[in-house]
N, C-alpha and C. Protein backbone atom coordinates (compact mmCIF):
# COMPACT_ATOMS: atom_id res chain seq x y z
N MET A 1 97.18 102.04 87.05
CA MET A 1 98.62 102.09 86.94
C MET A 1 99.27 100.75 87.17
N ASP A 2 98.47 99.74 87.61
CA ASP A 2 99.05 98.47 88.02
C ASP A 2 99.67 97.74 86.84
N GLY A 3 101.02 97.70 86.85
CA GLY A 3 101.69 97.00 85.78
C GLY A 3 102.63 95.94 86.29
N GLY A 4 102.71 95.80 87.61
CA GLY A 4 103.58 94.80 88.20
C GLY A 4 102.78 93.71 88.87
N ARG A 5 103.46 92.91 89.68
CA ARG A 5 102.76 91.84 90.40
C ARG A 5 101.73 92.44 91.36
N ARG A 6 100.67 91.72 91.57
CA ARG A 6 99.57 92.21 92.40
C ARG A 6 99.89 91.94 93.86
N VAL A 7 99.99 93.00 94.62
CA VAL A 7 100.40 92.89 96.02
C VAL A 7 99.20 93.14 96.93
N THR A 8 99.40 92.87 98.22
CA THR A 8 98.41 93.19 99.23
C THR A 8 98.87 94.46 99.95
N ILE A 9 97.98 95.43 100.06
CA ILE A 9 98.29 96.70 100.72
C ILE A 9 97.45 96.80 101.99
N ALA A 10 98.13 96.90 103.12
CA ALA A 10 97.47 97.03 104.42
C ALA A 10 97.57 98.48 104.88
N ILE A 11 96.43 99.10 105.13
CA ILE A 11 96.40 100.49 105.61
C ILE A 11 95.72 100.52 106.98
N ASP A 12 96.50 100.85 107.99
CA ASP A 12 95.99 100.94 109.36
C ASP A 12 96.06 102.37 109.84
N GLY A 13 95.36 102.64 110.93
CA GLY A 13 95.41 103.96 111.53
C GLY A 13 94.21 104.22 112.40
N PRO A 14 94.24 105.29 113.17
CA PRO A 14 93.16 105.61 114.09
C PRO A 14 91.92 106.14 113.39
N ALA A 15 90.85 106.28 114.15
CA ALA A 15 89.59 106.79 113.61
C ALA A 15 89.77 108.20 113.08
N GLY A 16 89.19 108.46 111.91
CA GLY A 16 89.21 109.80 111.34
C GLY A 16 90.48 110.18 110.62
N ALA A 17 91.36 109.22 110.38
CA ALA A 17 92.63 109.53 109.71
C ALA A 17 92.49 109.61 108.20
N GLY A 18 91.34 109.23 107.67
CA GLY A 18 91.13 109.27 106.23
C GLY A 18 91.42 107.96 105.53
N LYS A 19 91.47 106.86 106.28
CA LYS A 19 91.84 105.57 105.70
C LYS A 19 90.90 105.15 104.58
N SER A 20 89.59 105.28 104.82
CA SER A 20 88.62 104.81 103.82
C SER A 20 88.75 105.57 102.52
N THR A 21 88.81 106.89 102.59
CA THR A 21 88.92 107.71 101.38
C THR A 21 90.18 107.37 100.60
N VAL A 22 91.30 107.29 101.32
CA VAL A 22 92.59 107.02 100.67
C VAL A 22 92.65 105.61 100.12
N ALA A 23 92.21 104.64 100.91
CA ALA A 23 92.27 103.24 100.47
C ALA A 23 91.37 103.00 99.27
N ARG A 24 90.20 103.58 99.30
CA ARG A 24 89.25 103.40 98.18
C ARG A 24 89.82 103.96 96.87
N GLU A 25 90.43 105.14 96.94
CA GLU A 25 90.97 105.75 95.74
C GLU A 25 92.24 105.04 95.27
N ALA A 26 93.07 104.61 96.21
CA ALA A 26 94.27 103.86 95.82
C ALA A 26 93.88 102.56 95.12
N ALA A 27 92.85 101.89 95.63
CA ALA A 27 92.38 100.66 95.00
C ALA A 27 91.86 100.94 93.59
N ARG A 28 91.13 102.03 93.45
CA ARG A 28 90.61 102.38 92.12
C ARG A 28 91.74 102.64 91.14
N ARG A 29 92.75 103.38 91.57
CA ARG A 29 93.88 103.71 90.70
C ARG A 29 94.66 102.46 90.31
N LEU A 30 94.72 101.50 91.20
CA LEU A 30 95.49 100.28 90.94
C LEU A 30 94.66 99.21 90.23
N GLY A 31 93.35 99.35 90.25
CA GLY A 31 92.50 98.28 89.73
C GLY A 31 92.40 97.13 90.71
N TYR A 32 92.53 97.44 92.00
CA TYR A 32 92.49 96.42 93.05
C TYR A 32 91.11 96.40 93.72
N ALA A 33 90.86 95.33 94.46
CA ALA A 33 89.68 95.26 95.32
C ALA A 33 89.95 96.09 96.57
N TYR A 34 88.89 96.68 97.11
CA TYR A 34 89.00 97.48 98.33
C TYR A 34 88.17 96.82 99.43
N VAL A 35 88.78 96.61 100.59
CA VAL A 35 88.08 95.98 101.71
C VAL A 35 88.16 96.89 102.94
N ASP A 36 87.00 97.33 103.38
CA ASP A 36 86.88 98.18 104.57
C ASP A 36 86.52 97.27 105.74
N THR A 37 87.52 96.89 106.54
CA THR A 37 87.24 95.96 107.64
C THR A 37 86.41 96.61 108.74
N GLY A 38 86.52 97.94 108.87
CA GLY A 38 85.69 98.61 109.87
C GLY A 38 84.22 98.41 109.60
N ALA A 39 83.84 98.41 108.31
CA ALA A 39 82.44 98.19 107.95
C ALA A 39 81.98 96.79 108.37
N MET A 40 82.91 95.85 108.39
CA MET A 40 82.55 94.48 108.78
C MET A 40 82.19 94.41 110.27
N TYR A 41 82.92 95.15 111.09
CA TYR A 41 82.57 95.21 112.52
C TYR A 41 81.30 96.01 112.73
N ARG A 42 81.13 97.07 111.92
CA ARG A 42 79.93 97.86 112.02
C ARG A 42 78.68 97.03 111.68
N VAL A 43 78.83 96.11 110.73
CA VAL A 43 77.64 95.35 110.35
C VAL A 43 77.25 94.37 111.45
N VAL A 44 78.23 93.85 112.19
CA VAL A 44 77.89 93.00 113.34
C VAL A 44 77.13 93.83 114.37
N ALA A 45 77.59 95.07 114.59
CA ALA A 45 76.88 95.96 115.50
C ALA A 45 75.47 96.25 114.99
N LEU A 46 75.35 96.51 113.68
CA LEU A 46 74.04 96.79 113.08
C LEU A 46 73.08 95.62 113.27
N LEU A 47 73.55 94.43 112.99
CA LEU A 47 72.70 93.25 113.13
C LEU A 47 72.27 93.06 114.59
N GLY A 48 73.20 93.34 115.51
CA GLY A 48 72.86 93.23 116.92
C GLY A 48 71.83 94.25 117.35
N LEU A 49 71.97 95.48 116.85
CA LEU A 49 71.00 96.52 117.17
C LEU A 49 69.62 96.15 116.65
N ARG A 50 69.59 95.60 115.46
CA ARG A 50 68.30 95.23 114.87
C ARG A 50 67.60 94.14 115.68
N LYS A 51 68.39 93.31 116.34
CA LYS A 51 67.81 92.25 117.16
C LYS A 51 67.61 92.67 118.61
N GLY A 52 67.98 93.91 118.90
CA GLY A 52 67.80 94.41 120.25
C GLY A 52 68.77 93.84 121.26
N LEU A 53 69.95 93.45 120.80
CA LEU A 53 70.92 92.88 121.72
C LEU A 53 71.46 93.94 122.68
N SER A 54 71.69 93.54 123.91
CA SER A 54 72.33 94.41 124.88
C SER A 54 73.80 94.56 124.49
N PRO A 55 74.42 95.73 124.72
CA PRO A 55 75.83 95.91 124.37
C PRO A 55 76.77 94.90 125.01
N ASP A 56 76.36 94.31 126.14
CA ASP A 56 77.23 93.35 126.81
C ASP A 56 76.87 91.89 126.48
N ASP A 57 76.01 91.71 125.47
CA ASP A 57 75.61 90.35 125.06
C ASP A 57 76.64 89.80 124.08
N GLU A 58 77.78 89.38 124.59
CA GLU A 58 78.85 88.91 123.72
C GLU A 58 78.43 87.71 122.89
N ALA A 59 77.71 86.77 123.50
CA ALA A 59 77.28 85.57 122.77
C ALA A 59 76.41 85.94 121.58
N GLY A 60 75.55 86.93 121.76
CA GLY A 60 74.67 87.35 120.67
C GLY A 60 75.45 87.93 119.51
N PHE A 61 76.43 88.78 119.81
CA PHE A 61 77.24 89.38 118.74
C PHE A 61 78.13 88.35 118.07
N ILE A 62 78.62 87.39 118.83
CA ILE A 62 79.43 86.32 118.25
C ILE A 62 78.59 85.52 117.26
N ALA A 63 77.35 85.24 117.62
CA ALA A 63 76.46 84.50 116.72
C ALA A 63 76.21 85.28 115.43
N GLU A 64 76.06 86.59 115.54
CA GLU A 64 75.85 87.41 114.33
C GLU A 64 77.09 87.38 113.44
N ALA A 65 78.27 87.48 114.05
CA ALA A 65 79.52 87.46 113.27
C ALA A 65 79.70 86.11 112.57
N ALA A 66 79.32 85.04 113.26
CA ALA A 66 79.51 83.70 112.71
C ALA A 66 78.58 83.41 111.54
N SER A 67 77.40 84.03 111.53
CA SER A 67 76.40 83.68 110.51
C SER A 67 76.29 84.69 109.38
N ALA A 68 76.93 85.86 109.55
CA ALA A 68 76.78 86.92 108.53
C ALA A 68 77.57 86.59 107.27
N ASP A 69 76.90 86.69 106.13
CA ASP A 69 77.53 86.47 104.82
C ASP A 69 77.85 87.84 104.25
N MET A 70 79.13 88.25 104.31
CA MET A 70 79.54 89.59 103.91
C MET A 70 80.21 89.58 102.54
N GLU A 71 79.91 90.61 101.76
CA GLU A 71 80.48 90.68 100.41
C GLU A 71 80.58 92.13 99.95
N PHE A 72 81.73 92.48 99.37
CA PHE A 72 81.90 93.79 98.75
C PHE A 72 81.71 93.62 97.25
N ARG A 73 80.82 94.41 96.66
CA ARG A 73 80.53 94.29 95.23
C ARG A 73 80.68 95.65 94.55
N MET A 74 81.09 95.61 93.28
CA MET A 74 81.12 96.82 92.46
C MET A 74 79.81 96.91 91.70
N LEU A 75 79.09 98.03 91.87
CA LEU A 75 77.84 98.25 91.17
C LEU A 75 77.87 99.64 90.55
N ASP A 76 77.72 99.70 89.24
CA ASP A 76 77.72 100.98 88.52
C ASP A 76 78.95 101.82 88.86
N GLY A 77 80.08 101.15 88.95
CA GLY A 77 81.34 101.84 89.19
C GLY A 77 81.61 102.21 90.63
N ALA A 78 80.73 101.84 91.55
CA ALA A 78 80.92 102.15 92.96
C ALA A 78 80.87 100.87 93.78
N GLN A 79 81.70 100.83 94.82
CA GLN A 79 81.71 99.63 95.66
C GLN A 79 80.60 99.72 96.70
N ARG A 80 79.87 98.63 96.87
CA ARG A 80 78.80 98.54 97.85
C ARG A 80 79.07 97.36 98.77
N PHE A 81 78.53 97.45 99.97
CA PHE A 81 78.75 96.43 100.99
C PHE A 81 77.43 95.71 101.26
N PHE A 82 77.45 94.38 101.09
CA PHE A 82 76.26 93.57 101.28
C PHE A 82 76.45 92.59 102.43
N VAL A 83 75.40 92.38 103.18
CA VAL A 83 75.40 91.33 104.20
C VAL A 83 74.09 90.55 104.06
N ASN A 84 74.23 89.24 103.94
CA ASN A 84 73.07 88.36 103.76
C ASN A 84 72.18 88.84 102.62
N GLY A 85 72.83 89.36 101.56
CA GLY A 85 72.11 89.79 100.37
C GLY A 85 71.55 91.19 100.42
N GLU A 86 71.69 91.89 101.55
CA GLU A 86 71.15 93.25 101.70
C GLU A 86 72.27 94.28 101.56
N ASP A 87 72.00 95.33 100.84
CA ASP A 87 72.96 96.44 100.70
C ASP A 87 72.89 97.28 101.98
N VAL A 88 73.98 97.27 102.76
CA VAL A 88 74.00 98.00 104.04
C VAL A 88 75.06 99.10 104.02
N THR A 89 75.46 99.52 102.82
CA THR A 89 76.53 100.50 102.68
C THR A 89 76.26 101.75 103.51
N GLU A 90 75.05 102.28 103.45
CA GLU A 90 74.71 103.48 104.22
C GLU A 90 74.32 103.13 105.66
N ALA A 91 73.64 102.02 105.84
CA ALA A 91 73.14 101.67 107.18
C ALA A 91 74.26 101.53 108.20
N VAL A 92 75.42 101.01 107.77
CA VAL A 92 76.50 100.79 108.74
C VAL A 92 77.17 102.09 109.16
N ARG A 93 76.85 103.21 108.50
CA ARG A 93 77.45 104.51 108.84
C ARG A 93 76.62 105.30 109.84
N ALA A 94 75.52 104.75 110.30
CA ALA A 94 74.69 105.45 111.28
C ALA A 94 75.48 105.66 112.57
N PRO A 95 75.35 106.81 113.23
CA PRO A 95 76.12 107.10 114.44
C PRO A 95 75.99 106.05 115.53
N GLU A 96 74.77 105.53 115.73
CA GLU A 96 74.58 104.54 116.80
C GLU A 96 75.30 103.22 116.48
N VAL A 97 75.43 102.93 115.19
CA VAL A 97 76.18 101.73 114.79
C VAL A 97 77.67 101.94 115.05
N GLY A 98 78.17 103.11 114.68
CA GLY A 98 79.57 103.41 114.91
C GLY A 98 79.93 103.37 116.39
N ALA A 99 79.04 103.90 117.24
CA ALA A 99 79.31 103.91 118.68
C ALA A 99 79.41 102.50 119.25
N LEU A 100 78.64 101.58 118.69
CA LEU A 100 78.65 100.20 119.20
C LEU A 100 79.75 99.37 118.59
N SER A 101 80.26 99.76 117.42
CA SER A 101 81.22 98.90 116.72
C SER A 101 82.54 98.73 117.46
N SER A 102 82.97 99.75 118.22
CA SER A 102 84.25 99.63 118.93
C SER A 102 84.19 98.56 120.02
N PRO A 103 83.20 98.58 120.93
CA PRO A 103 83.13 97.49 121.92
C PRO A 103 82.87 96.13 121.28
N VAL A 104 82.11 96.10 120.19
CA VAL A 104 81.88 94.82 119.50
C VAL A 104 83.20 94.28 118.95
N SER A 105 84.04 95.18 118.41
CA SER A 105 85.31 94.74 117.82
C SER A 105 86.29 94.23 118.85
N ALA A 106 86.04 94.51 120.14
CA ALA A 106 86.93 94.05 121.20
C ALA A 106 86.57 92.64 121.68
N ILE A 107 85.49 92.07 121.17
CA ILE A 107 85.09 90.71 121.56
C ILE A 107 85.97 89.71 120.81
N PRO A 108 86.78 88.92 121.51
CA PRO A 108 87.77 88.04 120.85
C PRO A 108 87.17 87.12 119.78
N GLU A 109 86.03 86.52 120.04
CA GLU A 109 85.46 85.58 119.07
C GLU A 109 84.91 86.29 117.84
N VAL A 110 84.39 87.49 118.02
CA VAL A 110 83.96 88.28 116.86
C VAL A 110 85.16 88.57 115.98
N ARG A 111 86.26 88.99 116.59
CA ARG A 111 87.48 89.28 115.82
C ARG A 111 87.99 88.03 115.12
N ARG A 112 87.89 86.89 115.78
CA ARG A 112 88.40 85.64 115.17
C ARG A 112 87.61 85.32 113.90
N TYR A 113 86.30 85.40 113.97
CA TYR A 113 85.48 85.09 112.79
C TYR A 113 85.77 86.06 111.65
N LEU A 114 85.82 87.35 111.96
CA LEU A 114 86.01 88.33 110.89
C LEU A 114 87.44 88.32 110.36
N THR A 115 88.41 88.02 111.22
CA THR A 115 89.79 87.92 110.74
C THR A 115 89.93 86.78 109.73
N GLU A 116 89.28 85.67 109.99
CA GLU A 116 89.31 84.54 109.05
C GLU A 116 88.71 84.96 107.71
N THR A 117 87.60 85.68 107.75
CA THR A 117 86.96 86.15 106.52
C THR A 117 87.88 87.10 105.77
N GLN A 118 88.51 88.01 106.49
CA GLN A 118 89.41 89.00 105.87
C GLN A 118 90.62 88.33 105.24
N ARG A 119 91.16 87.32 105.88
CA ARG A 119 92.32 86.62 105.31
C ARG A 119 91.95 85.90 104.02
N ARG A 120 90.73 85.39 103.95
CA ARG A 120 90.29 84.77 102.69
C ARG A 120 90.20 85.81 101.58
N MET A 121 89.81 87.02 101.93
CA MET A 121 89.63 88.07 100.93
C MET A 121 90.93 88.52 100.28
N VAL A 122 92.06 88.36 100.96
CA VAL A 122 93.32 88.86 100.41
C VAL A 122 94.13 87.79 99.69
N ARG A 123 93.64 86.58 99.64
CA ARG A 123 94.38 85.52 98.96
C ARG A 123 94.55 85.88 97.49
N GLY A 124 95.79 85.80 97.03
CA GLY A 124 96.07 86.10 95.64
C GLY A 124 96.49 87.54 95.40
N GLY A 125 96.41 88.39 96.45
CA GLY A 125 96.84 89.78 96.29
C GLY A 125 95.84 90.61 95.51
N GLY A 126 96.30 91.81 95.09
CA GLY A 126 95.42 92.72 94.37
C GLY A 126 94.33 93.28 95.25
N VAL A 127 94.67 93.54 96.53
CA VAL A 127 93.68 94.01 97.50
C VAL A 127 94.28 95.16 98.31
N VAL A 128 93.45 96.18 98.54
CA VAL A 128 93.77 97.23 99.51
C VAL A 128 92.82 97.03 100.67
N MET A 129 93.36 96.70 101.83
CA MET A 129 92.53 96.44 103.01
C MET A 129 92.88 97.44 104.10
N GLU A 130 91.86 98.06 104.67
CA GLU A 130 92.13 99.06 105.71
C GLU A 130 91.38 98.75 107.00
N GLY A 131 92.01 99.14 108.11
CA GLY A 131 91.40 98.88 109.41
C GLY A 131 92.31 99.33 110.53
N ARG A 132 92.31 98.54 111.62
CA ARG A 132 93.12 98.88 112.79
C ARG A 132 94.27 97.90 113.02
N ASP A 133 94.11 96.68 112.52
CA ASP A 133 95.11 95.64 112.83
C ASP A 133 95.48 94.82 111.59
N ILE A 134 95.42 95.44 110.42
CA ILE A 134 95.65 94.68 109.18
C ILE A 134 97.11 94.28 109.05
N GLY A 135 98.03 95.25 109.22
CA GLY A 135 99.45 94.94 109.08
C GLY A 135 100.03 94.16 110.22
N THR A 136 99.37 94.19 111.39
CA THR A 136 99.90 93.50 112.57
C THR A 136 99.29 92.12 112.80
N VAL A 137 98.00 91.96 112.48
CA VAL A 137 97.31 90.70 112.81
C VAL A 137 96.72 90.01 111.58
N VAL A 138 95.93 90.74 110.81
CA VAL A 138 95.20 90.10 109.70
C VAL A 138 96.15 89.69 108.58
N CYS A 139 96.99 90.61 108.14
CA CYS A 139 97.90 90.34 107.01
C CYS A 139 99.33 90.76 107.37
N PRO A 140 99.96 90.10 108.32
CA PRO A 140 101.32 90.49 108.68
C PRO A 140 102.31 90.31 107.54
N GLY A 141 101.94 89.53 106.53
CA GLY A 141 102.81 89.32 105.38
C GLY A 141 102.52 90.25 104.21
N ALA A 142 101.66 91.26 104.41
CA ALA A 142 101.33 92.20 103.33
C ALA A 142 102.61 92.85 102.82
N GLU A 143 102.72 92.97 101.49
CA GLU A 143 103.93 93.53 100.89
C GLU A 143 104.06 95.03 101.15
N VAL A 144 102.94 95.72 101.25
CA VAL A 144 102.95 97.16 101.51
C VAL A 144 102.10 97.43 102.74
N LYS A 145 102.72 98.07 103.74
CA LYS A 145 102.01 98.41 104.98
C LYS A 145 102.12 99.91 105.22
N ILE A 146 100.98 100.53 105.41
CA ILE A 146 100.92 101.96 105.65
C ILE A 146 100.21 102.21 106.97
N PHE A 147 100.79 103.05 107.82
CA PHE A 147 100.11 103.48 109.04
C PHE A 147 99.74 104.94 108.84
N LEU A 148 98.45 105.17 108.60
CA LEU A 148 97.96 106.50 108.26
C LEU A 148 97.41 107.18 109.52
N THR A 149 97.92 108.36 109.83
CA THR A 149 97.47 109.03 111.04
C THR A 149 97.44 110.54 110.84
N ALA A 150 96.90 111.23 111.83
CA ALA A 150 96.85 112.70 111.84
C ALA A 150 96.60 113.10 113.28
N SER A 151 96.86 114.34 113.60
CA SER A 151 96.64 114.81 114.96
C SER A 151 95.15 114.72 115.31
N VAL A 152 94.87 114.65 116.60
CA VAL A 152 93.47 114.60 117.04
C VAL A 152 92.72 115.84 116.57
N ASP A 153 93.36 117.00 116.66
CA ASP A 153 92.71 118.24 116.23
C ASP A 153 92.35 118.20 114.74
N GLU A 154 93.27 117.70 113.93
CA GLU A 154 93.02 117.62 112.49
C GLU A 154 91.91 116.63 112.17
N ARG A 155 91.90 115.51 112.87
CA ARG A 155 90.86 114.52 112.62
C ARG A 155 89.49 115.03 113.06
N ALA A 156 89.46 115.77 114.16
CA ALA A 156 88.20 116.36 114.61
C ALA A 156 87.71 117.40 113.61
N ARG A 157 88.63 118.20 113.06
CA ARG A 157 88.25 119.20 112.07
C ARG A 157 87.63 118.54 110.84
N ARG A 158 88.25 117.46 110.38
CA ARG A 158 87.74 116.76 109.20
C ARG A 158 86.36 116.15 109.48
N ARG A 159 86.21 115.55 110.66
CA ARG A 159 84.93 114.92 110.99
C ARG A 159 83.82 115.96 111.05
N CYS A 160 84.11 117.12 111.63
CA CYS A 160 83.10 118.19 111.68
C CYS A 160 82.75 118.68 110.29
N LEU A 161 83.75 118.81 109.44
CA LEU A 161 83.51 119.25 108.07
C LEU A 161 82.59 118.27 107.35
N GLU A 162 82.83 116.98 107.53
CA GLU A 162 81.99 115.96 106.91
C GLU A 162 80.54 116.11 107.39
N GLN A 163 80.35 116.31 108.69
CA GLN A 163 78.99 116.44 109.22
C GLN A 163 78.31 117.70 108.71
N GLN A 164 79.06 118.78 108.65
CA GLN A 164 78.49 120.04 108.17
C GLN A 164 78.10 119.95 106.69
N GLU A 165 78.89 119.22 105.92
CA GLU A 165 78.56 119.03 104.50
C GLU A 165 77.27 118.25 104.32
N LYS A 166 76.92 117.47 105.34
CA LYS A 166 75.68 116.71 105.31
C LYS A 166 74.52 117.49 105.92
N GLY A 167 74.82 118.75 106.31
CA GLY A 167 73.77 119.58 106.90
C GLY A 167 73.55 119.33 108.37
N LEU A 168 74.51 118.68 109.03
CA LEU A 168 74.39 118.34 110.44
C LEU A 168 75.19 119.32 111.29
N ASP A 169 74.71 119.57 112.52
CA ASP A 169 75.46 120.41 113.45
C ASP A 169 76.65 119.63 113.99
N CYS A 170 77.68 120.36 114.39
CA CYS A 170 78.87 119.70 114.92
C CYS A 170 79.44 120.50 116.07
N ASP A 171 79.70 119.81 117.17
CA ASP A 171 80.37 120.40 118.34
C ASP A 171 81.83 119.95 118.29
N PRO A 172 82.75 120.82 117.87
CA PRO A 172 84.15 120.42 117.70
C PRO A 172 84.77 119.78 118.93
N GLU A 173 84.46 120.33 120.10
CA GLU A 173 85.05 119.78 121.33
C GLU A 173 84.51 118.39 121.63
N ALA A 174 83.23 118.19 121.38
CA ALA A 174 82.64 116.86 121.61
C ALA A 174 83.22 115.84 120.64
N VAL A 175 83.39 116.25 119.39
CA VAL A 175 83.97 115.36 118.38
C VAL A 175 85.41 115.03 118.75
N ARG A 176 86.16 116.04 119.17
CA ARG A 176 87.55 115.82 119.57
C ARG A 176 87.64 114.85 120.74
N ALA A 177 86.78 115.04 121.73
CA ALA A 177 86.78 114.15 122.89
C ALA A 177 86.42 112.72 122.50
N GLY A 178 85.47 112.60 121.57
CA GLY A 178 85.07 111.27 121.12
C GLY A 178 86.19 110.55 120.39
N ILE A 179 86.93 111.28 119.56
CA ILE A 179 88.04 110.69 118.82
C ILE A 179 89.15 110.26 119.78
N ALA A 180 89.44 111.11 120.76
CA ALA A 180 90.48 110.78 121.74
C ALA A 180 90.10 109.54 122.55
N GLU A 181 88.81 109.44 122.90
CA GLU A 181 88.35 108.27 123.64
C GLU A 181 88.44 107.01 122.79
N ARG A 182 88.08 107.15 121.51
CA ARG A 182 88.16 105.99 120.60
C ARG A 182 89.62 105.56 120.44
N ASP A 183 90.53 106.51 120.32
CA ASP A 183 91.96 106.17 120.21
C ASP A 183 92.40 105.34 121.41
N HIS A 184 91.98 105.78 122.59
CA HIS A 184 92.38 105.08 123.81
C HIS A 184 91.82 103.66 123.83
N ARG A 185 90.55 103.51 123.48
CA ARG A 185 89.94 102.18 123.48
C ARG A 185 90.63 101.27 122.48
N ASP A 186 90.85 101.78 121.27
CA ASP A 186 91.43 100.95 120.22
C ASP A 186 92.88 100.56 120.53
N SER A 187 93.63 101.46 121.16
CA SER A 187 95.04 101.21 121.42
C SER A 187 95.29 100.37 122.67
N SER A 188 94.30 100.36 123.58
CA SER A 188 94.53 99.68 124.85
C SER A 188 93.76 98.37 125.00
N ARG A 189 92.95 98.02 123.99
CA ARG A 189 92.20 96.78 124.12
C ARG A 189 93.15 95.59 124.16
N ALA A 190 92.70 94.53 124.82
CA ALA A 190 93.55 93.35 125.01
C ALA A 190 93.76 92.57 123.73
N VAL A 191 92.76 92.57 122.84
CA VAL A 191 92.82 91.77 121.62
C VAL A 191 93.08 92.67 120.42
N ALA A 192 94.16 92.38 119.67
CA ALA A 192 94.48 93.10 118.43
C ALA A 192 94.38 94.61 118.58
N PRO A 193 95.14 95.20 119.49
CA PRO A 193 95.07 96.66 119.64
C PRO A 193 95.62 97.39 118.42
N LEU A 194 95.16 98.64 118.25
CA LEU A 194 95.69 99.48 117.19
C LEU A 194 97.18 99.72 117.44
N ALA A 195 98.00 99.38 116.46
CA ALA A 195 99.45 99.58 116.61
C ALA A 195 100.08 99.63 115.23
N LYS A 196 101.15 100.36 115.12
CA LYS A 196 101.90 100.43 113.87
C LYS A 196 102.80 99.21 113.74
N ALA A 197 102.70 98.49 112.63
CA ALA A 197 103.58 97.35 112.39
C ALA A 197 105.02 97.86 112.27
N PRO A 198 106.00 97.09 112.76
CA PRO A 198 107.39 97.55 112.71
C PRO A 198 107.86 97.91 111.30
N ASP A 199 107.34 97.22 110.29
CA ASP A 199 107.78 97.47 108.92
C ASP A 199 106.82 98.34 108.12
N ALA A 200 105.88 99.02 108.82
CA ALA A 200 104.93 99.90 108.13
C ALA A 200 105.54 101.28 107.92
N VAL A 201 105.12 101.92 106.83
CA VAL A 201 105.49 103.30 106.56
C VAL A 201 104.45 104.20 107.22
N GLU A 202 104.89 105.09 108.10
CA GLU A 202 103.94 105.99 108.77
C GLU A 202 103.76 107.26 107.94
N LEU A 203 102.49 107.59 107.69
CA LEU A 203 102.15 108.81 106.96
C LEU A 203 101.30 109.71 107.86
N VAL A 204 101.85 110.82 108.28
CA VAL A 204 101.11 111.81 109.06
C VAL A 204 100.51 112.79 108.06
N THR A 205 99.20 112.86 108.02
CA THR A 205 98.53 113.55 106.91
C THR A 205 98.16 115.00 107.19
N ASP A 206 98.50 115.53 108.36
CA ASP A 206 98.26 116.95 108.62
C ASP A 206 98.94 117.76 107.51
N GLY A 207 98.18 118.64 106.87
CA GLY A 207 98.76 119.50 105.85
C GLY A 207 98.90 118.87 104.49
N LEU A 208 98.53 117.60 104.34
CA LEU A 208 98.62 116.92 103.05
C LEU A 208 97.22 116.79 102.43
N SER A 209 97.16 116.92 101.12
CA SER A 209 95.89 116.69 100.43
C SER A 209 95.71 115.18 100.25
N ILE A 210 94.49 114.78 99.94
CA ILE A 210 94.22 113.37 99.68
C ILE A 210 95.08 112.87 98.52
N GLY A 211 95.19 113.71 97.49
CA GLY A 211 96.00 113.32 96.33
C GLY A 211 97.46 113.09 96.70
N GLU A 212 98.01 113.93 97.56
CA GLU A 212 99.41 113.78 97.97
C GLU A 212 99.61 112.49 98.76
N VAL A 213 98.65 112.18 99.62
CA VAL A 213 98.76 110.94 100.41
C VAL A 213 98.71 109.72 99.49
N ILE A 214 97.78 109.73 98.54
CA ILE A 214 97.65 108.60 97.61
C ILE A 214 98.92 108.44 96.78
N GLU A 215 99.48 109.54 96.31
CA GLU A 215 100.71 109.45 95.51
C GLU A 215 101.85 108.82 96.30
N ARG A 216 101.93 109.12 97.57
CA ARG A 216 102.99 108.52 98.39
C ARG A 216 102.78 107.02 98.57
N ILE A 217 101.52 106.63 98.69
CA ILE A 217 101.23 105.19 98.81
C ILE A 217 101.54 104.48 97.49
N LEU A 218 101.15 105.06 96.37
CA LEU A 218 101.40 104.44 95.08
C LEU A 218 102.90 104.36 94.78
N ALA A 219 103.65 105.37 95.24
CA ALA A 219 105.10 105.32 95.07
C ALA A 219 105.69 104.15 95.84
N ARG A 220 105.14 103.89 97.03
CA ARG A 220 105.60 102.74 97.82
C ARG A 220 105.26 101.43 97.12
N VAL A 221 104.08 101.38 96.50
CA VAL A 221 103.69 100.18 95.77
C VAL A 221 104.65 99.94 94.60
N ARG A 222 104.94 100.99 93.84
CA ARG A 222 105.87 100.86 92.70
C ARG A 222 107.25 100.40 93.16
N GLU A 223 107.69 100.94 94.26
CA GLU A 223 108.99 100.54 94.82
C GLU A 223 108.98 99.06 95.19
N THR A 224 107.90 98.61 95.79
CA THR A 224 107.79 97.20 96.19
C THR A 224 107.73 96.28 94.98
N GLN A 225 107.03 96.74 93.94
CA GLN A 225 106.90 95.94 92.72
C GLN A 225 108.17 95.96 91.88
N GLY A 226 109.04 96.93 92.15
CA GLY A 226 110.27 97.07 91.36
C GLY A 226 110.01 97.66 90.02
N THR A 227 108.95 98.52 89.91
CA THR A 227 108.61 99.14 88.62
C THR A 227 108.87 100.63 88.68
């Protein structure tokens, strides 16, 4: 649908809000690049796990962030995530990687290295970037800012559904507690906490389909482009 100037779209929000699904589809509809910044922190955690780093080895994780060559590529119509030439699209979604990515993302120097990489990725516009601090820290000048959220109960329901679809067992209360704990960590960390940018449009997705959420984002893009 992209017929106007190519803008930068920042989509922020808490864990389980549906940012990746929505951002990926919005990028596809617009013909834009899609950047999942959460995957970038996950890959630093993955590399650290592979080297046997202790969770409190900040220097080790900083070294991994500084040396990792990250790239998002389109292959056979699907976007894949590569680091140092290896496709890690599935590997970064492992539960143990996800559990470590939040404390890793709180390391100031790790954030500094990845923020610099992310800012290079949005030069020239035509990018949908999603994460926790895109509209507030990484791209405060983004033309379109969306804060995507949902109730803890709704996010826990969605996460359990995803696990069940993969044939995995799910404890709703445990998932809910984990999401609430992640919200607290992300919102209270000293460096780049999760927060809604003052000029962001907040979308509460309880009761909305993915298609409805995407249409609202695309309407905001059209409004910004003046088309």
